[in-house]
Amino acid sequence: MDSQPHRQLHVIFVPYPTPGHMIPMVDTARLFVKHGVSVTIITTHANALTFQKVIDSDFSCGYPIRTQLLPFPGAQVGLPDGVENIKDGTSLEMLGKLARGISLLQDQIELLFHDLQPDCIVTDMCYPWTVESAAKLGIPRIYFYSSSYFSNCASHFIRKHRPHESLESDTEKFTIPGFPQTIEMTPLQLAEWIRTKTPSTVYFNSIFESEIRSYGTLSNSFHELESDYEQIHKSTMGIKTWSIGPVSAWGNKGDEQKDNRGHKMDLVEEPEWLNWLNSKQNESVLYVSFGSLTRLPHAQIVELAHGLENSCHNFIWVIRKRDGDESNEESFLQKFEQRMKESKKGFIIWNWAPQLLILDHPAIGGIVTHCGWNSILESLNVGLPMITWPMFAEQFYNEKLIVDVLKIGVPVGVKENKFWTSMGEEAMVRREEIVKAVVLLMENSQESKEMRRSARKLGDAAKRTIGEGGHSYNNLIQLIDELKSLKISRAFSTNILDS
């Protein structure tokens, strides 16, 4: 009898190289390994640098986890060494080269699938071709979705029923079909590839079609957060679904892990931002961050700076320095930073911040978010209400979930879905609107107290769901058990055929 069934379950994870996709998938891979699964993460050298430290730490604790590195074809597509992640793209042209480089990795990844002979592959939604790869190997392909069920269902129903096409203008409202609640949007809040046919439309359609052809969907969400939409997803897609989120709360419980998440640098001892936060009252500081991909135009930065200052509330703002910044922007921000140091009302962190650690600080009372799913979950883990400022992709759907369904957010009033490369110099959100949203969230009104209460309840639910016996915990165990059974069945069938 072949001893194959007794060999450890081996699962390959293939993250897409952009932080919003890569971080939750690496966190998920680490969860699998801590529940007895052997894991290989396929990535490129520069991308591995952002999480290798924590993988090495897991490995040194005896967990069977490793990275399998592929050379990124940078020279082939005309990119400098080390530019291997979407966040490194500073222009539309550069982003196009990155996308081309990522697509060129397909053959190497497929060779690795063949050589490593995994029992299952968990791949990012942005690799639709892995459905065929898994079929060739006769193993399950699990579609990893790094956003909300709400956004997946909204996108599905809008693509299917196209309610926006019957409207007379782009600013008129339509209701999302198929939802238990009345959720209204305008065509301008939809991604361009849904509104009109673009080269991206075919690619995104292939992504969503690949989900239906997968063995199941693995989602970084949790039952208590969006159970209605989890159920709609199951009945609409007709495939298995496992909610195992919030994965960042499982895998990053220690401060050391929070320090290094998504970044390769160590924190200095007692950083300046920590001393500043320690001097502030509980729940008095607003954290402002737009994620790793957004680059605001200068005019919008000016409006945001004045809005934060005029609100008279404390804030800590993470700003990405742009390559080739115009001197007027640099000079404006330097003066603004100096003014905030003198008034002690604001603190600026340049380029990167240990977000999990900051959000966990008792002085933080709310967050301005671009409505990326990771930031939303990280805010929820610590029970924080939000000011919603969506930019592009599915972020406008996530805003609707936060504001209209969960009622834990204040919209700042963004009207159009646009990637940063196509944002004009005109400020989309004026300082007066920013002041209004900050005051509403941070002052002690009845509405603000209610949002805070609801956010804390969800934070408690997030902690319970990943504990032993919780929904997400049970889903993870069930999925791993199912994959083990499938592996044994395949080995048994092979033995019958061979005998």
Protein backbone atom coordinates (compact mmCIF):
# COMPACT_ATOMS: atom_id res chain seq x y z
CA MET A 1 0.00 0.00 0.00
CA ASP A 2 1.29 3.46 -0.92
CA SER A 3 2.14 5.54 2.13
CA GLN A 4 1.20 8.74 0.23
CA PRO A 5 -2.03 9.41 2.24
CA HIS A 6 -0.01 9.72 5.44
CA ARG A 7 2.26 12.41 4.05
CA GLN A 8 1.54 15.91 5.36
CA LEU A 9 -0.98 17.98 3.42
CA HIS A 10 0.95 20.39 1.16
CA VAL A 11 -0.69 23.63 0.00
CA ILE A 12 0.88 26.22 -2.32
CA PHE A 13 -0.10 29.90 -1.93
CA VAL A 14 0.39 32.34 -4.82
CA PRO A 15 -0.13 35.96 -3.68
CA TYR A 16 -0.54 38.84 -6.12
CA PRO A 17 2.22 41.44 -5.63
CA THR A 18 0.31 44.38 -4.20
CA PRO A 19 0.06 44.92 -0.41
CA GLY A 20 -3.75 44.71 -0.15
CA HIS A 21 -3.65 41.21 -1.68
CA MET A 22 -0.28 39.94 -0.51
CA ILE A 23 -0.47 40.73 3.22
CA PRO A 24 -3.75 38.85 3.94
CA MET A 25 -2.65 35.87 1.84
CA VAL A 26 0.66 35.55 3.69
CA ASP A 27 -1.24 35.83 6.99
CA THR A 28 -3.57 33.05 5.75
CA ALA A 29 -0.65 30.81 4.72
CA ARG A 30 0.76 31.21 8.24
CA LEU A 31 -2.60 30.14 9.71
CA PHE A 32 -2.59 26.96 7.61
CA VAL A 33 0.90 26.02 8.75
CA LYS A 34 -0.03 26.54 12.40
CA HIS A 35 -2.80 23.97 11.91
CA GLY A 36 -0.54 21.20 10.64
CA VAL A 37 -0.28 21.99 6.91
CA SER A 38 2.99 22.16 4.97
CA VAL A 39 3.02 25.46 3.04
CA THR A 40 5.00 26.91 0.13
CA ILE A 41 4.54 30.57 -0.86
CA ILE A 42 5.55 31.36 -4.46
CA THR A 43 6.77 34.92 -4.94
CA THR A 44 9.66 37.01 -6.29
CA HIS A 45 12.78 38.18 -4.45
CA ALA A 46 11.82 41.80 -3.72
CA ASN A 47 8.29 40.82 -2.64
CA ALA A 48 9.61 38.14 -0.29
CA LEU A 49 11.73 40.78 1.52
CA THR A 50 8.54 42.36 2.91
CA PHE A 51 7.49 39.23 4.83
CA GLN A 52 10.50 36.86 4.89
CA LYS A 53 11.41 37.77 8.48
CA VAL A 54 8.11 36.47 9.85
CA ILE A 55 8.29 33.32 7.67
CA ASP A 56 11.82 32.62 8.95
CA SER A 57 10.55 33.11 12.49
CA ASP A 58 7.72 30.58 11.92
CA PHE A 59 10.17 28.14 10.32
CA SER A 60 12.60 28.44 13.25
CA CYS A 61 9.68 27.55 15.57
CA GLY A 62 9.37 24.24 13.69
CA TYR A 63 6.55 25.11 11.29
CA PRO A 64 6.89 23.64 7.74
CA ILE A 65 6.66 26.91 5.78
CA ARG A 66 8.97 28.23 3.07
CA THR A 67 9.10 30.67 0.20
CA GLN A 68 9.90 29.56 -3.33
CA LEU A 69 11.49 32.51 -5.12
CA LEU A 70 11.19 33.29 -8.82
CA PRO A 71 13.29 35.86 -10.67
CA PHE A 72 11.12 38.81 -11.75
CA PRO A 73 11.57 39.57 -15.49
CA GLY A 74 12.25 43.27 -14.79
CA ALA A 75 14.89 43.77 -17.49
CA GLN A 76 12.66 42.05 -20.05
CA VAL A 77 9.83 44.56 -19.48
CA GLY A 78 12.08 47.58 -18.90
CA LEU A 79 11.88 47.97 -15.12
CA PRO A 80 14.74 48.76 -12.73
CA ASP A 81 15.99 46.07 -10.33
CA GLY A 82 13.81 45.55 -7.27
CA VAL A 83 10.64 47.06 -8.78
CA GLU A 84 8.36 44.04 -8.51
CA ASN A 85 5.23 45.26 -6.69
CA ILE A 86 2.26 47.34 -7.90
CA LYS A 87 2.91 49.82 -5.07
CA ASP A 88 6.26 50.67 -6.71
CA GLY A 89 4.57 51.92 -9.89
CA THR A 90 4.90 55.70 -10.08
CA SER A 91 3.24 56.18 -13.50
CA LEU A 92 0.69 54.51 -15.76
CA GLU A 93 3.53 53.34 -18.00
CA MET A 94 5.37 51.75 -15.07
CA LEU A 95 2.19 50.05 -13.85
CA GLY A 96 1.71 48.57 -17.33
CA LYS A 97 5.25 47.16 -17.25
CA LEU A 98 4.65 45.68 -13.79
CA ALA A 99 1.44 44.00 -14.97
CA ARG A 100 3.32 42.61 -17.99
CA GLY A 101 6.15 41.32 -15.78
CA ILE A 102 3.67 39.64 -13.43
CA SER A 103 1.91 37.92 -16.36
CA LEU A 104 5.27 36.63 -17.65
CA LEU A 105 5.70 34.65 -14.41
CA GLN A 106 2.89 32.25 -15.40
CA ASP A 107 5.07 29.60 -17.07
CA GLN A 108 7.54 29.52 -14.16
CA ILE A 109 4.72 29.24 -11.62
CA GLU A 110 3.09 26.38 -13.58
CA LEU A 111 6.45 24.54 -13.69
CA LEU A 112 6.70 24.86 -9.92
CA PHE A 113 3.16 23.47 -9.50
CA HIS A 114 4.27 20.47 -11.53
CA ASP A 115 7.58 20.01 -9.68
CA LEU A 116 6.23 20.51 -6.15
CA GLN A 117 3.10 18.36 -6.66
CA PRO A 118 0.93 20.14 -4.08
CA ASP A 119 -2.38 18.77 -2.78
CA CYS A 120 -4.12 22.12 -3.30
CA ILE A 121 -3.32 25.60 -4.64
CA VAL A 122 -4.69 28.78 -3.04
CA THR A 123 -4.23 31.55 -5.57
CA ASP A 124 -5.11 35.20 -5.67
CA MET A 125 -8.20 36.09 -7.70
CA CYS A 126 -5.89 37.95 -10.15
CA TYR A 127 -4.50 34.64 -11.48
CA PRO A 128 -7.58 33.22 -13.29
CA TRP A 129 -5.37 30.83 -15.36
CA THR A 130 -4.63 28.77 -12.22
CA VAL A 131 -8.05 27.08 -12.62
CA GLU A 132 -6.62 25.19 -15.61
CA SER A 133 -3.32 24.54 -13.79
CA ALA A 134 -5.17 22.85 -10.92
CA ALA A 135 -7.38 20.86 -13.32
CA LYS A 136 -4.26 19.48 -15.08
CA LEU A 137 -2.87 18.33 -11.74
CA GLY A 138 -6.24 16.96 -10.59
CA ILE A 139 -6.18 19.07 -7.40
CA PRO A 140 -8.49 21.75 -5.96
CA ARG A 141 -7.87 25.42 -6.79
CA ILE A 142 -9.15 27.76 -4.10
CA TYR A 143 -9.93 31.34 -5.12
CA PHE A 144 -8.58 33.80 -2.55
CA TYR A 145 -10.75 36.92 -2.33
CA SER A 146 -9.13 39.72 -0.37
CA SER A 147 -12.19 41.98 0.02
CA SER A 148 -15.76 41.86 1.34
CA TYR A 149 -18.58 39.50 0.33
CA PHE A 150 -20.65 42.67 -0.02
CA SER A 151 -18.33 44.04 -2.75
CA ASN A 152 -18.14 40.69 -4.57
CA CYS A 153 -21.95 40.34 -4.61
CA ALA A 154 -22.49 44.00 -5.59
CA SER A 155 -20.09 43.68 -8.51
CA HIS A 156 -21.75 40.42 -9.60
CA PHE A 157 -25.31 41.81 -9.60
CA ILE A 158 -24.33 45.09 -11.27
CA ARG A 159 -22.44 43.25 -14.03
CA LYS A 160 -25.36 40.87 -14.49
CA HIS A 161 -28.30 43.32 -14.40
CA ARG A 162 -26.52 46.56 -15.44
CA PRO A 163 -28.97 48.89 -13.60
CA HIS A 164 -26.77 51.92 -14.32
CA GLU A 165 -27.35 51.71 -18.07
CA SER A 166 -30.97 52.87 -17.93
CA LEU A 167 -30.10 56.17 -16.23
CA GLU A 168 -30.01 59.55 -17.95
CA SER A 169 -26.87 60.83 -16.20
CA ASP A 170 -23.76 59.53 -14.41
CA THR A 171 -24.80 61.28 -11.19
CA GLU A 172 -28.30 59.76 -11.02
CA LYS A 173 -28.75 57.03 -8.39
CA PHE A 174 -29.59 53.37 -8.95
CA THR A 175 -30.30 50.61 -6.43
CA ILE A 176 -28.06 47.52 -6.35
CA PRO A 177 -30.29 44.57 -7.41
CA GLY A 178 -30.55 41.38 -5.35
CA PHE A 179 -29.68 42.93 -1.97
CA PRO A 180 -31.80 42.66 1.21
CA GLN A 181 -31.24 46.36 1.95
CA THR A 182 -31.72 49.37 -0.33
CA ILE A 183 -28.20 50.39 -1.32
CA GLU A 184 -27.92 53.30 -3.74
CA MET A 185 -24.95 54.27 -5.91
CA THR A 186 -24.26 56.40 -8.97
CA PRO A 187 -22.59 55.20 -12.20
CA LEU A 188 -19.59 57.47 -11.44
CA GLN A 189 -18.88 55.38 -8.31
CA LEU A 190 -18.42 52.24 -10.41
CA ALA A 191 -15.05 51.17 -11.77
CA GLU A 192 -14.49 52.33 -15.36
CA TRP A 193 -14.25 48.72 -16.64
CA ILE A 194 -17.86 48.12 -15.48
CA ARG A 195 -19.21 51.43 -16.87
CA THR A 196 -17.65 51.01 -20.32
CA LYS A 197 -15.86 48.24 -22.15
CA THR A 198 -12.10 48.65 -21.66
CA PRO A 199 -9.15 46.26 -22.10
CA SER A 200 -9.54 45.54 -18.36
CA THR A 201 -13.16 44.37 -18.76
CA VAL A 202 -12.18 41.06 -20.38
CA TYR A 203 -9.52 40.44 -17.71
CA PHE A 204 -11.89 41.13 -14.79
CA ASN A 205 -14.63 39.01 -16.35
CA SER A 206 -12.16 36.12 -16.59
CA ILE A 207 -11.28 36.62 -12.90
CA PHE A 208 -14.91 36.37 -11.78
CA GLU A 209 -15.61 33.42 -14.11
CA SER A 210 -12.63 31.59 -12.61
CA GLU A 211 -14.26 31.86 -9.17
CA ILE A 212 -17.31 29.86 -10.29
CA ARG A 213 -15.00 27.19 -11.76
CA SER A 214 -12.93 26.92 -8.55
CA TYR A 215 -13.30 24.33 -5.81
CA GLY A 216 -14.26 27.13 -3.42
CA THR A 217 -13.65 30.68 -2.21
CA LEU A 218 -11.49 31.56 0.77
CA SER A 219 -12.50 34.93 2.16
CA ASN A 220 -10.85 37.30 4.61
CA SER A 221 -14.16 38.16 6.23
CA PHE A 222 -16.19 36.79 9.12
CA HIS A 223 -19.75 35.59 9.62
CA GLU A 224 -20.73 38.18 12.25
CA LEU A 225 -19.63 41.06 10.01
CA GLU A 226 -21.64 40.38 6.85
CA SER A 227 -23.63 37.15 7.28
CA ASP A 228 -26.41 38.24 4.84
CA TYR A 229 -23.89 38.80 2.06
CA GLU A 230 -21.94 35.65 2.88
CA GLN A 231 -25.21 33.75 2.35
CA ILE A 232 -26.02 35.62 -0.89
CA HIS A 233 -22.51 34.81 -2.14
CA LYS A 234 -22.96 31.09 -1.40
CA SER A 235 -26.32 30.87 -3.14
CA THR A 236 -25.29 33.06 -6.12
CA MET A 237 -21.89 31.52 -6.89
CA GLY A 238 -22.98 27.98 -6.07
CA ILE A 239 -19.55 26.97 -4.76
CA LYS A 240 -18.13 26.30 -1.31
CA THR A 241 -17.13 29.32 0.75
CA TRP A 242 -14.97 29.60 3.86
CA SER A 243 -14.83 32.84 5.85
CA ILE A 244 -11.68 32.75 7.97
CA GLY A 245 -11.11 36.45 8.73
CA PRO A 246 -9.95 38.70 10.10
CA VAL A 247 -6.66 36.94 9.30
CA SER A 248 -4.50 39.85 10.55
CA ALA A 249 -5.95 39.34 14.04
CA TRP A 250 -4.96 35.63 14.04
CA GLY A 251 -1.42 35.98 12.85
CA ASN A 252 -0.22 39.27 14.34
CA LYS A 253 -1.02 39.08 18.03
CA GLY A 254 2.49 39.97 19.27
CA ASP A 255 3.80 43.53 19.05
CA GLU A 256 6.95 42.35 17.28
CA GLN A 257 4.84 40.85 14.48
CA LYS A 258 2.74 44.03 14.32
CA ASP A 259 5.94 46.07 13.95
CA ASN A 260 7.17 44.20 10.90
CA ARG A 261 3.97 43.45 9.07
CA GLY A 262 4.29 44.37 5.41
CA HIS A 263 7.66 46.03 5.91
CA LYS A 264 11.24 44.87 6.07
CA MET A 265 12.61 47.51 8.43
CA ASP A 266 12.82 47.26 12.22
CA LEU A 267 11.26 49.96 14.35
CA VAL A 268 13.59 52.25 16.24
CA GLU A 269 13.35 52.20 20.03
CA GLU A 270 10.50 54.37 21.36
CA PRO A 271 9.66 56.04 18.03
CA GLU A 272 8.68 59.70 18.04
CA TRP A 273 5.08 58.97 16.99
CA LEU A 274 4.65 56.76 20.07
CA ASN A 275 5.85 59.48 22.43
CA TRP A 276 3.47 61.90 20.70
CA LEU A 277 0.51 59.50 21.00
CA ASN A 278 1.34 58.78 24.66
CA SER A 279 0.87 62.48 25.39
CA LYS A 280 -2.72 62.45 24.06
CA GLN A 281 -6.00 61.59 25.79
CA ASN A 282 -7.78 58.32 25.01
CA GLU A 283 -9.79 58.33 21.75
CA SER A 284 -8.72 61.90 20.91
CA VAL A 285 -6.56 61.22 17.82
CA LEU A 286 -7.70 60.58 14.23
CA TYR A 287 -5.45 58.27 12.17
CA VAL A 288 -5.27 59.26 8.46
CA SER A 289 -3.97 56.81 5.84
CA PHE A 290 -4.81 56.10 2.21
CA GLY A 291 -3.07 52.74 1.85
CA SER A 292 -0.06 51.83 -0.23
CA LEU A 293 -1.35 52.59 -3.75
CA THR A 294 -3.00 56.01 -3.56
CA ARG A 295 -1.05 59.16 -4.40
CA LEU A 296 -3.17 62.27 -3.84
CA PRO A 297 -2.75 65.26 -6.17
CA HIS A 298 -1.16 68.35 -4.61
CA ALA A 299 -4.44 70.32 -4.58
CA GLN A 300 -6.14 67.53 -2.62
CA ILE A 301 -3.25 67.33 -0.13
CA VAL A 302 -3.63 71.07 0.51
CA GLU A 303 -7.39 70.70 1.13
CA LEU A 304 -6.85 67.70 3.42
CA ALA A 305 -4.14 69.47 5.44
CA HIS A 306 -6.34 72.54 5.97
CA GLY A 307 -9.37 70.35 6.74
CA LEU A 308 -7.49 68.44 9.44
CA GLU A 309 -6.03 71.62 10.91
CA ASN A 310 -9.36 73.49 10.86
CA SER A 311 -11.19 70.60 12.56
CA CYS A 312 -9.18 71.38 15.73
CA HIS A 313 -8.83 67.64 16.47
CA ASN A 314 -5.55 65.75 16.96
CA PHE A 315 -4.46 63.63 14.00
CA ILE A 316 -1.62 61.38 12.88
CA TRP A 317 -1.23 61.36 9.07
CA VAL A 318 0.78 58.88 6.98
CA ILE A 319 2.00 60.55 3.77
CA ARG A 320 3.76 58.78 0.91
CA LYS A 321 6.55 60.83 -0.61
CA ARG A 322 6.11 60.83 -4.36
CA ASP A 323 9.00 60.28 -6.74
CA GLY A 324 9.83 63.58 -8.37
CA ASP A 325 7.61 65.61 -6.03
CA GLU A 326 6.99 69.12 -7.18
CA SER A 327 8.87 71.58 -5.01
CA ASN A 328 5.68 73.50 -4.10
CA GLU A 329 4.19 70.33 -2.57
CA GLU A 330 7.33 69.57 -0.58
CA SER A 331 7.56 73.14 0.62
CA PHE A 332 3.85 73.22 1.58
CA LEU A 333 4.10 69.97 3.57
CA GLN A 334 7.31 71.02 5.31
CA LYS A 335 5.67 74.24 6.49
CA PHE A 336 2.53 72.35 7.51
CA GLU A 337 4.55 69.76 9.45
CA GLN A 338 6.44 72.52 11.26
CA ARG A 339 3.17 74.24 12.18
CA MET A 340 1.74 70.97 13.54
CA LYS A 341 4.89 70.35 15.62
CA GLU A 342 4.51 73.76 17.19
CA SER A 343 0.79 73.36 17.91
CA LYS A 344 1.18 69.66 18.90
CA LYS A 345 -2.17 69.02 17.14
CA GLY A 346 -0.85 66.86 14.33
CA PHE A 347 1.92 64.37 13.59
CA ILE A 348 3.13 63.33 10.13
CA ILE A 349 4.70 59.94 9.41
CA TRP A 350 6.48 59.73 6.07
CA ASN A 351 6.10 56.75 3.67
CA TRP A 352 5.38 53.83 6.00
CA ALA A 353 3.82 53.35 9.43
CA PRO A 354 3.29 50.29 11.66
CA GLN A 355 -0.48 50.57 11.22
CA LEU A 356 -1.51 47.69 13.50
CA LEU A 357 0.48 49.12 16.40
CA ILE A 358 -0.84 52.65 15.92
CA LEU A 359 -4.50 51.59 15.61
CA ASP A 360 -4.13 49.59 18.80
CA HIS A 361 -3.02 52.65 20.79
CA PRO A 362 -5.68 53.91 23.27
CA ALA A 363 -5.27 57.52 22.03
CA ILE A 364 -6.65 56.61 18.58
CA GLY A 365 -10.37 57.34 18.32
CA GLY A 366 -11.06 56.88 14.61
CA ILE A 367 -9.53 56.50 11.16
CA VAL A 368 -9.77 58.21 7.77
CA THR A 369 -9.63 55.28 5.36
CA HIS A 370 -9.58 54.75 1.58
CA CYS A 371 -11.90 51.76 2.28
CA GLY A 372 -9.34 49.13 1.36
CA TRP A 373 -10.51 45.90 2.99
CA ASN A 374 -7.34 45.32 5.06
CA SER A 375 -7.56 48.77 6.66
CA ILE A 376 -11.28 48.29 7.37
CA LEU A 377 -10.66 44.96 9.10
CA GLU A 378 -7.68 46.31 11.03
CA SER A 379 -9.86 49.21 12.26
CA LEU A 380 -12.66 46.82 13.19
CA ASN A 381 -10.29 44.53 15.10
CA VAL A 382 -9.75 47.37 17.56
CA GLY A 383 -13.33 48.68 17.41
CA LEU A 384 -12.70 51.99 15.60
CA PRO A 385 -15.31 53.98 13.63
CA MET A 386 -14.25 55.43 10.26
CA ILE A 387 -14.36 58.39 7.92
CA THR A 388 -14.74 56.82 4.47
CA TRP A 389 -12.78 58.23 1.52
CA PRO A 390 -12.88 55.60 -1.25
CA MET A 391 -10.66 56.02 -4.32
CA PHE A 392 -11.00 53.19 -6.85
CA ALA A 393 -11.71 49.47 -7.44
CA GLU A 394 -14.24 47.97 -4.98
CA GLN A 395 -13.67 50.66 -2.34
CA PHE A 396 -17.00 52.42 -3.06
CA TYR A 397 -18.88 49.18 -2.34
CA ASN A 398 -16.95 48.81 0.92
CA GLU A 399 -17.96 52.37 1.83
CA LYS A 400 -21.63 51.41 1.42
CA LEU A 401 -21.13 48.42 3.73
CA ILE A 402 -19.46 50.61 6.40
CA VAL A 403 -21.86 53.57 6.20
CA ASP A 404 -25.25 52.13 5.16
CA VAL A 405 -25.20 48.55 6.49
CA LEU A 406 -22.91 48.49 9.53
CA LYS A 407 -23.46 52.21 10.36
CA ILE A 408 -19.96 52.73 11.72
CA GLY A 409 -18.71 55.34 9.27
CA VAL A 410 -19.10 58.91 8.04
CA PRO A 411 -18.69 59.47 4.27
CA VAL A 412 -16.50 62.40 3.27
CA GLY A 413 -18.42 62.67 -0.01
CA VAL A 414 -16.18 61.29 -2.79
CA LYS A 415 -18.19 61.18 -6.01
CA GLU A 416 -16.02 59.43 -8.58
CA ASN A 417 -14.15 56.10 -8.82
CA LYS A 418 -10.68 57.01 -10.15
CA PHE A 419 -7.24 55.46 -9.87
CA TRP A 420 -4.63 57.99 -8.74
CA THR A 421 -2.99 58.09 -12.18
CA SER A 422 -6.10 59.72 -13.67
CA MET A 423 -6.87 62.15 -10.84
CA GLY A 424 -6.79 65.77 -11.93
CA GLU A 425 -5.29 68.63 -9.92
CA GLU A 426 -8.75 69.80 -8.92
CA ALA A 427 -9.48 68.92 -5.28
CA MET A 428 -12.34 66.46 -5.17
CA VAL A 429 -13.07 66.87 -1.46
CA ARG A 430 -13.05 70.38 -0.01
CA ARG A 431 -11.69 71.32 3.41
CA GLU A 432 -15.18 72.23 4.68
CA GLU A 433 -16.43 68.69 3.96
CA ILE A 434 -13.38 67.23 5.70
CA VAL A 435 -13.95 69.40 8.81
CA LYS A 436 -17.63 68.37 8.90
CA ALA A 437 -16.78 64.63 8.75
CA VAL A 438 -13.99 64.87 11.36
CA VAL A 439 -16.17 66.84 13.80
CA LEU A 440 -19.07 64.40 13.36
CA LEU A 441 -16.85 61.36 14.02
CA MET A 442 -14.62 62.73 16.79
CA GLU A 443 -17.01 64.87 18.85
CA ASN A 444 -19.16 63.37 21.54
CA SER A 445 -22.54 63.48 19.76
CA GLN A 446 -25.20 60.77 20.07
CA GLU A 447 -24.49 59.65 16.49
CA SER A 448 -20.76 59.39 17.19
CA LYS A 449 -21.36 57.40 20.41
CA GLU A 450 -23.64 55.00 18.51
CA MET A 451 -21.04 54.41 15.79
CA ARG A 452 -18.34 53.82 18.43
CA ARG A 453 -20.59 51.34 20.26
CA SER A 454 -21.34 49.42 17.05
CA ALA A 455 -17.65 49.37 16.05
CA ARG A 456 -16.66 48.01 19.47
CA LYS A 457 -19.29 45.26 19.20
CA LEU A 458 -17.85 44.23 15.84
CA GLY A 459 -14.34 44.36 17.34
CA ASP A 460 -15.46 41.95 20.08
CA ALA A 461 -17.05 39.69 17.44
CA ALA A 462 -13.79 39.75 15.44
CA LYS A 463 -11.89 38.46 18.49
CA ARG A 464 -14.48 35.76 19.25
CA THR A 465 -14.72 34.42 15.70
CA ILE A 466 -11.01 33.51 15.56
CA GLY A 467 -11.01 31.92 19.03
CA GLU A 468 -11.47 28.18 19.50
CA GLY A 469 -15.08 27.33 18.63
CA GLY A 470 -15.66 30.62 16.74
CA HIS A 471 -17.05 30.72 13.18
CA SER A 472 -13.75 31.58 11.44
CA TYR A 473 -11.78 29.13 13.58
CA ASN A 474 -14.20 26.28 12.78
CA ASN A 475 -14.23 27.16 9.06
CA LEU A 476 -10.45 26.93 8.86
CA ILE A 477 -10.38 23.54 10.61
CA GLN A 478 -13.21 22.26 8.40
CA LEU A 479 -11.43 23.37 5.20
CA ILE A 480 -8.13 21.73 6.22
CA ASP A 481 -9.94 18.49 7.16
CA GLU A 482 -11.74 18.51 3.82
CA LEU A 483 -8.49 18.98 1.90
CA LYS A 484 -6.91 16.09 3.85
CA SER A 485 -9.87 13.84 2.96
CA LEU A 486 -9.59 14.81 -0.71
CA LYS A 487 -5.89 13.99 -0.66
CA ILE A 488 -6.55 10.53 0.83
CA SER A 489 -9.32 9.87 -1.74
CA ARG A 490 -7.03 10.84 -4.64
CA ALA A 491 -4.23 8.60 -3.34
CA PHE A 492 -6.70 5.72 -2.89
CA SER A 493 -8.03 6.14 -6.45
CA THR A 494 -4.45 6.21 -7.79
CA ASN A 495 -3.64 2.98 -5.94
CA ILE A 496 -6.76 1.26 -7.33
CA LEU A 497 -5.80 2.33 -10.88
CA ASP A 498 -2.19 1.22 -10.39
CA SER A 499 -3.06 -2.22 -9.02
